Amino acid sequence: MTPFTNRQLKIIDSAIELIAREGIQKLTIKNLSAKVGVTEGAIYRHFKSKIDILLNILEMFKENTESLSSKIRQEELPPIQQLHFLFKERFQQFAAKPALAAVIFAEEIFQNDNRLSDVIVEIMALTQKIFKEIIEQGQAKKEIRDDISSEHLSMILLGSMRFMVAKWHLSGFSYNLEEEGKSLWESIKKMIKK
């Protein structure tokens, strides 16, 4: 992906905030241009459409997921610690940019456009693949229970993470996501350790 200009990043951040605050229905080029403080034409010089903006948000999130995976591989941590690292990093990412949760977990955004739903499916498959590979390493090393498939364990882990972030978002960010994430991780670790 081509690096973004500062103006493109401002447009993307403003779109994320607009969706989080007012919902996907309010994400129009007109509303976005007003939020950014530029003309609608200026938005179109950077992005072809609202869908193009959403695709770029998702692609950024996907690249971040790939980057996290590479970072974990370089660290050469034991599998349980790799999973902990992923949990911690994701919760930190959403805590630092709460509006991102509104975009990533808003299914209604993606239902009406195959390009968006395809990228979401790619992100889900990539994330599950990363978790499954780590779990399988842990199962091979007898660190993670092997009486449950890596597929199901990865779904449990990802579903738990998603539920906590969605609950936090829908509650108006009423609790410390990172602290609750640490607590959730400790419970999950007890469940998956061999």
C-alpha atoms as a PDB file:
ATOM      1  CA  MET A   1       0.000   0.000   0.000  1.00  0.00           C
ATOM      2  CA  THR A   2       1.248   3.480  -0.868  1.00  0.00           C
ATOM      3  CA  PRO A   3       2.062   5.635   2.169  1.00  0.00           C
ATOM      4  CA  PHE A   4      -0.616   8.169   3.009  1.00  0.00           C
ATOM      5  CA  THR A   5      -0.093  11.915   2.903  1.00  0.00           C
ATOM      6  CA  ASN A   6      -0.792  13.922   6.050  1.00  0.00           C
ATOM      7  CA  ARG A   7      -4.026  15.182   4.457  1.00  0.00           C
ATOM      8  CA  GLN A   8      -5.167  11.624   3.648  1.00  0.00           C
ATOM      9  CA  LEU A   9      -4.443  10.546   7.235  1.00  0.00           C
ATOM     10  CA  LYS A  10      -6.473  13.501   8.525  1.00  0.00           C
ATOM     11  CA  ILE A  11      -9.375  12.527   6.261  1.00  0.00           C
ATOM     12  CA  ILE A  12      -9.175   8.892   7.409  1.00  0.00           C
ATOM     13  CA  ASP A  13      -9.006   9.857  11.096  1.00  0.00           C
ATOM     14  CA  SER A  14     -11.933  12.250  10.647  1.00  0.00           C
ATOM     15  CA  ALA A  15     -13.963   9.535   8.909  1.00  0.00           C
ATOM     16  CA  ILE A  16     -13.285   7.121  11.775  1.00  0.00           C
ATOM     17  CA  GLU A  17     -14.342   9.744  14.334  1.00  0.00           C
ATOM     18  CA  LEU A  18     -17.469  10.638  12.347  1.00  0.00           C
ATOM     19  CA  ILE A  19     -18.552   6.992  12.152  1.00  0.00           C
ATOM     20  CA  ALA A  20     -17.867   6.464  15.863  1.00  0.00           C
ATOM     21  CA  ARG A  21     -19.770   9.555  16.915  1.00  0.00           C
ATOM     22  CA  GLU A  22     -22.691   9.597  14.486  1.00  0.00           C
ATOM     23  CA  GLY A  23     -22.809   6.227  12.743  1.00  0.00           C
ATOM     24  CA  ILE A  24     -22.055   5.076   9.230  1.00  0.00           C
ATOM     25  CA  GLN A  25     -25.149   6.817   7.835  1.00  0.00           C
ATOM     26  CA  LYS A  26     -23.561  10.200   8.598  1.00  0.00           C
ATOM     27  CA  LEU A  27     -20.359   9.365   6.745  1.00  0.00           C
ATOM     28  CA  THR A  28     -20.903  11.359   3.597  1.00  0.00           C
ATOM     29  CA  ILE A  29     -18.353  13.323   1.620  1.00  0.00           C
ATOM     30  CA  LYS A  30     -20.281  16.486   2.532  1.00  0.00           C
ATOM     31  CA  ASN A  31     -20.177  15.780   6.288  1.00  0.00           C
ATOM     32  CA  LEU A  32     -16.567  14.644   6.077  1.00  0.00           C
ATOM     33  CA  SER A  33     -15.449  17.758   4.207  1.00  0.00           C
ATOM     34  CA  ALA A  34     -17.139  19.920   6.862  1.00  0.00           C
ATOM     35  CA  LYS A  35     -15.380  17.999   9.638  1.00  0.00           C
ATOM     36  CA  VAL A  36     -11.984  18.233   7.962  1.00  0.00           C
ATOM     37  CA  GLY A  37     -12.559  21.872   6.987  1.00  0.00           C
ATOM     38  CA  VAL A  38     -12.037  21.476   3.247  1.00  0.00           C
ATOM     39  CA  THR A  39     -14.249  21.410   0.170  1.00  0.00           C
ATOM     40  CA  GLU A  40     -15.868  18.217  -1.061  1.00  0.00           C
ATOM     41  CA  GLY A  41     -13.630  18.466  -4.134  1.00  0.00           C
ATOM     42  CA  ALA A  42     -10.573  18.383  -1.877  1.00  0.00           C
ATOM     43  CA  ILE A  43     -11.761  15.083  -0.385  1.00  0.00           C
ATOM     44  CA  TYR A  44     -12.293  13.665  -3.886  1.00  0.00           C
ATOM     45  CA  ARG A  45      -8.734  14.641  -4.834  1.00  0.00           C
ATOM     46  CA  HIS A  46      -7.511  12.226  -2.172  1.00  0.00           C
ATOM     47  CA  PHE A  47     -10.163   9.486  -2.297  1.00  0.00           C
ATOM     48  CA  LYS A  48     -12.531   8.392  -5.076  1.00  0.00           C
ATOM     49  CA  SER A  49     -15.487   7.764  -2.764  1.00  0.00           C
ATOM     50  CA  LYS A  50     -16.708   6.993   0.731  1.00  0.00           C
ATOM     51  CA  ILE A  51     -16.121   3.290  -0.017  1.00  0.00           C
ATOM     52  CA  ASP A  52     -12.522   4.089  -0.983  1.00  0.00           C
ATOM     53  CA  ILE A  53     -12.015   5.745   2.412  1.00  0.00           C
ATOM     54  CA  LEU A  54     -13.485   2.727   4.222  1.00  0.00           C
ATOM     55  CA  LEU A  55     -11.331   0.338   2.177  1.00  0.00           C
ATOM     56  CA  ASN A  56      -8.232   2.286   3.166  1.00  0.00           C
ATOM     57  CA  ILE A  57      -9.209   2.184   6.851  1.00  0.00           C
ATOM     58  CA  LEU A  58      -9.588  -1.597   6.622  1.00  0.00           C
ATOM     59  CA  GLU A  59      -6.341  -2.000   4.673  1.00  0.00           C
ATOM     60  CA  MET A  60      -4.505  -0.017   7.373  1.00  0.00           C
ATOM     61  CA  PHE A  61      -5.944  -2.321  10.034  1.00  0.00           C
ATOM     62  CA  LYS A  62      -4.953  -5.374   7.979  1.00  0.00           C
ATOM     63  CA  GLU A  63      -1.399  -4.072   7.574  1.00  0.00           C
ATOM     64  CA  ASN A  64      -1.246  -3.462  11.307  1.00  0.00           C
ATOM     65  CA  THR A  65      -2.282  -7.084  11.903  1.00  0.00           C
ATOM     66  CA  GLU A  66       0.439  -8.326   9.547  1.00  0.00           C
ATOM     67  CA  SER A  67       2.976  -6.071  11.259  1.00  0.00           C
ATOM     68  CA  LEU A  68       2.021  -7.456  14.683  1.00  0.00           C
ATOM     69  CA  SER A  69       2.471 -10.982  13.372  1.00  0.00           C
ATOM     70  CA  SER A  70       5.953 -10.162  12.050  1.00  0.00           C
ATOM     71  CA  LYS A  71       6.898  -8.490  15.317  1.00  0.00           C
ATOM     72  CA  ILE A  72       5.884 -11.586  17.276  1.00  0.00           C
ATOM     73  CA  ARG A  73       7.928 -13.870  15.042  1.00  0.00           C
ATOM     74  CA  GLN A  74      11.005 -11.706  15.541  1.00  0.00           C
ATOM     75  CA  GLU A  75      10.633 -11.795  19.332  1.00  0.00           C
ATOM     76  CA  GLU A  76      10.711 -15.621  19.413  1.00  0.00           C
ATOM     77  CA  LEU A  77       8.498 -15.742  22.508  1.00  0.00           C
ATOM     78  CA  PRO A  78       6.910 -18.939  23.823  1.00  0.00           C
ATOM     79  CA  PRO A  79       3.422 -19.479  22.323  1.00  0.00           C
ATOM     80  CA  ILE A  80       1.489 -18.457  25.465  1.00  0.00           C
ATOM     81  CA  GLN A  81       3.459 -15.207  25.601  1.00  0.00           C
ATOM     82  CA  GLN A  82       2.836 -14.626  21.890  1.00  0.00           C
ATOM     83  CA  LEU A  83      -0.926 -14.877  22.455  1.00  0.00           C
ATOM     84  CA  HIS A  84      -0.643 -12.564  25.457  1.00  0.00           C
ATOM     85  CA  PHE A  85       1.307 -10.087  23.327  1.00  0.00           C
ATOM     86  CA  LEU A  86      -1.419 -10.119  20.645  1.00  0.00           C
ATOM     87  CA  PHE A  87      -4.142  -9.525  23.219  1.00  0.00           C
ATOM     88  CA  LYS A  88      -2.235  -6.705  24.876  1.00  0.00           C
ATOM     89  CA  GLU A  89      -1.372  -4.997  21.584  1.00  0.00           C
ATOM     90  CA  ARG A  90      -4.957  -5.140  20.269  1.00  0.00           C
ATOM     91  CA  PHE A  91      -6.430  -3.746  23.474  1.00  0.00           C
ATOM     92  CA  GLN A  92      -3.791  -1.003  23.510  1.00  0.00           C
ATOM     93  CA  GLN A  93      -4.576  -0.159  19.896  1.00  0.00           C
ATOM     94  CA  PHE A  94      -8.301   0.213  20.532  1.00  0.00           C
ATOM     95  CA  ALA A  95      -7.752   2.072  23.820  1.00  0.00           C
ATOM     96  CA  ALA A  96      -5.483   4.551  22.016  1.00  0.00           C
ATOM     97  CA  LYS A  97      -7.976   5.006  19.164  1.00  0.00           C
ATOM     98  CA  PRO A  98     -11.446   4.092  20.478  1.00  0.00           C
ATOM     99  CA  ALA A  99     -13.241   5.256  17.349  1.00  0.00           C
ATOM    100  CA  LEU A 100     -11.503   2.488  15.394  1.00  0.00           C
ATOM    101  CA  ALA A 101     -13.637  -0.094  17.226  1.00  0.00           C
ATOM    102  CA  ALA A 102     -16.763   1.508  15.780  1.00  0.00           C
ATOM    103  CA  VAL A 103     -15.465   0.957  12.267  1.00  0.00           C
ATOM    104  CA  ILE A 104     -13.862  -2.468  12.582  1.00  0.00           C
ATOM    105  CA  PHE A 105     -16.812  -4.022  14.426  1.00  0.00           C
ATOM    106  CA  ALA A 106     -19.664  -2.353  12.532  1.00  0.00           C
ATOM    107  CA  GLU A 107     -21.110  -5.096  10.343  1.00  0.00           C
ATOM    108  CA  GLU A 108     -23.705  -2.802   8.782  1.00  0.00           C
ATOM    109  CA  ILE A 109     -20.881  -0.908   7.078  1.00  0.00           C
ATOM    110  CA  PHE A 110     -19.771  -3.966   5.153  1.00  0.00           C
ATOM    111  CA  GLN A 111     -23.002  -5.747   4.272  1.00  0.00           C
ATOM    112  CA  ASN A 112     -23.838  -3.705   1.209  1.00  0.00           C
ATOM    113  CA  ASP A 113     -20.492  -3.684  -0.565  1.00  0.00           C
ATOM    114  CA  ASN A 114     -18.620  -6.817  -1.574  1.00  0.00           C
ATOM    115  CA  ARG A 115     -15.277  -5.001  -1.655  1.00  0.00           C
ATOM    116  CA  LEU A 116     -15.618  -4.063   2.013  1.00  0.00           C
ATOM    117  CA  SER A 117     -16.919  -7.457   3.113  1.00  0.00           C
ATOM    118  CA  ASP A 118     -14.101  -9.176   1.185  1.00  0.00           C
ATOM    119  CA  VAL A 119     -11.460  -7.171   3.073  1.00  0.00           C
ATOM    120  CA  ILE A 120     -13.166  -7.912   6.404  1.00  0.00           C
ATOM    121  CA  VAL A 121     -13.172 -11.630   5.569  1.00  0.00           C
ATOM    122  CA  GLU A 122      -9.458 -11.372   4.691  1.00  0.00           C
ATOM    123  CA  ILE A 123      -8.716  -9.658   8.010  1.00  0.00           C
ATOM    124  CA  MET A 124     -10.698 -12.281   9.927  1.00  0.00           C
ATOM    125  CA  ALA A 125      -8.952 -15.145   8.097  1.00  0.00           C
ATOM    126  CA  LEU A 126      -5.525 -13.580   8.597  1.00  0.00           C
ATOM    127  CA  THR A 127      -6.111 -12.974  12.297  1.00  0.00           C
ATOM    128  CA  GLN A 128      -7.430 -16.485  12.870  1.00  0.00           C
ATOM    129  CA  LYS A 129      -4.501 -17.955  10.926  1.00  0.00           C
ATOM    130  CA  ILE A 130      -2.034 -16.089  13.144  1.00  0.00           C
ATOM    131  CA  PHE A 131      -3.781 -17.296  16.308  1.00  0.00           C
ATOM    132  CA  LYS A 132      -4.130 -20.872  15.004  1.00  0.00           C
ATOM    133  CA  GLU A 133      -0.432 -21.108  14.122  1.00  0.00           C
ATOM    134  CA  ILE A 134       0.593 -19.901  17.569  1.00  0.00           C
ATOM    135  CA  ILE A 135      -1.859 -22.282  19.254  1.00  0.00           C
ATOM    136  CA  GLU A 136      -0.575 -25.195  17.158  1.00  0.00           C
ATOM    137  CA  GLN A 137       3.005 -24.357  18.171  1.00  0.00           C
ATOM    138  CA  GLY A 138       1.874 -24.334  21.800  1.00  0.00           C
ATOM    139  CA  GLN A 139       0.065 -27.635  21.369  1.00  0.00           C
ATOM    140  CA  ALA A 140       3.153 -29.217  19.769  1.00  0.00           C
ATOM    141  CA  LYS A 141       5.267 -27.977  22.701  1.00  0.00           C
ATOM    142  CA  LYS A 142       2.667 -29.255  25.202  1.00  0.00           C
ATOM    143  CA  GLU A 143       2.080 -25.712  26.520  1.00  0.00           C
ATOM    144  CA  ILE A 144      -1.486 -25.393  25.222  1.00  0.00           C
ATOM    145  CA  ARG A 145      -4.193 -27.985  25.621  1.00  0.00           C
ATOM    146  CA  ASP A 146      -4.648 -30.162  22.568  1.00  0.00           C
ATOM    147  CA  ASP A 147      -8.014 -31.704  23.413  1.00  0.00           C
ATOM    148  CA  ILE A 148      -9.655 -28.729  21.667  1.00  0.00           C
ATOM    149  CA  SER A 149      -8.800 -27.934  18.064  1.00  0.00           C
ATOM    150  CA  SER A 150      -6.671 -24.911  17.236  1.00  0.00           C
ATOM    151  CA  GLU A 151      -9.553 -23.702  15.081  1.00  0.00           C
ATOM    152  CA  HIS A 152     -11.969 -23.666  18.012  1.00  0.00           C
ATOM    153  CA  LEU A 153      -9.451 -22.242  20.466  1.00  0.00           C
ATOM    154  CA  SER A 154      -8.651 -19.423  18.047  1.00  0.00           C
ATOM    155  CA  MET A 155     -12.388 -18.683  17.675  1.00  0.00           C
ATOM    156  CA  ILE A 156     -12.803 -18.602  21.458  1.00  0.00           C
ATOM    157  CA  LEU A 157      -9.871 -16.227  21.855  1.00  0.00           C
ATOM    158  CA  LEU A 158     -10.906 -13.909  19.040  1.00  0.00           C
ATOM    159  CA  GLY A 159     -14.563 -13.982  20.025  1.00  0.00           C
ATOM    160  CA  SER A 160     -13.693 -13.055  23.607  1.00  0.00           C
ATOM    161  CA  MET A 161     -11.538 -10.179  22.444  1.00  0.00           C
ATOM    162  CA  ARG A 162     -14.172  -8.927  20.030  1.00  0.00           C
ATOM    163  CA  PHE A 163     -16.943  -9.168  22.640  1.00  0.00           C
ATOM    164  CA  MET A 164     -14.938  -7.166  25.175  1.00  0.00           C
ATOM    165  CA  VAL A 165     -14.071  -4.419  22.685  1.00  0.00           C
ATOM    166  CA  ALA A 166     -17.656  -4.233  21.401  1.00  0.00           C
ATOM    167  CA  LYS A 167     -19.043  -4.062  24.957  1.00  0.00           C
ATOM    168  CA  TRP A 168     -16.533  -1.341  25.850  1.00  0.00           C
ATOM    169  CA  HIS A 169     -17.466   0.647  22.738  1.00  0.00           C
ATOM    170  CA  LEU A 170     -21.227   0.287  23.230  1.00  0.00           C
ATOM    171  CA  SER A 171     -20.947   1.242  26.913  1.00  0.00           C
ATOM    172  CA  GLY A 172     -19.441   4.572  25.906  1.00  0.00           C
ATOM    173  CA  PHE A 173     -15.908   3.461  26.837  1.00  0.00           C
ATOM    174  CA  SER A 174     -17.037   3.241  30.450  1.00  0.00           C
ATOM    175  CA  TYR A 175     -14.176   1.086  31.696  1.00  0.00           C
ATOM    176  CA  ASN A 176     -10.443   0.705  31.237  1.00  0.00           C
ATOM    177  CA  LEU A 177     -10.147  -1.620  28.256  1.00  0.00           C
ATOM    178  CA  GLU A 178      -6.496  -2.445  28.852  1.00  0.00           C
ATOM    179  CA  GLU A 179      -7.082  -3.407  32.489  1.00  0.00           C
ATOM    180  CA  GLU A 180     -10.133  -5.504  31.652  1.00  0.00           C
ATOM    181  CA  GLY A 181      -8.165  -7.033  28.779  1.00  0.00           C
ATOM    182  CA  LYS A 182      -5.411  -8.103  31.206  1.00  0.00           C
ATOM    183  CA  SER A 183      -7.988  -9.729  33.450  1.00  0.00           C
ATOM    184  CA  LEU A 184      -9.630 -11.495  30.496  1.00  0.00           C
ATOM    185  CA  TRP A 185      -6.252 -12.759  29.317  1.00  0.00           C
ATOM    186  CA  GLU A 186      -5.494 -14.280  32.729  1.00  0.00           C
ATOM    187  CA  SER A 187      -8.779 -16.204  32.622  1.00  0.00           C
ATOM    188  CA  ILE A 188      -8.198 -17.364  29.059  1.00  0.00           C
ATOM    189  CA  LYS A 189      -4.650 -18.445  29.907  1.00  0.00           C
ATOM    190  CA  LYS A 190      -6.008 -20.681  32.662  1.00  0.00           C
ATOM    191  CA  MET A 191      -8.464 -22.220  30.215  1.00  0.00           C
ATOM    192  CA  ILE A 192      -5.991 -22.951  27.417  1.00  0.00           C
ATOM    193  CA  LYS A 193      -2.833 -23.946  29.304  1.00  0.00           C
ATOM    194  CA  LYS A 194      -2.078 -27.621  29.389  1.00  0.00           C
END
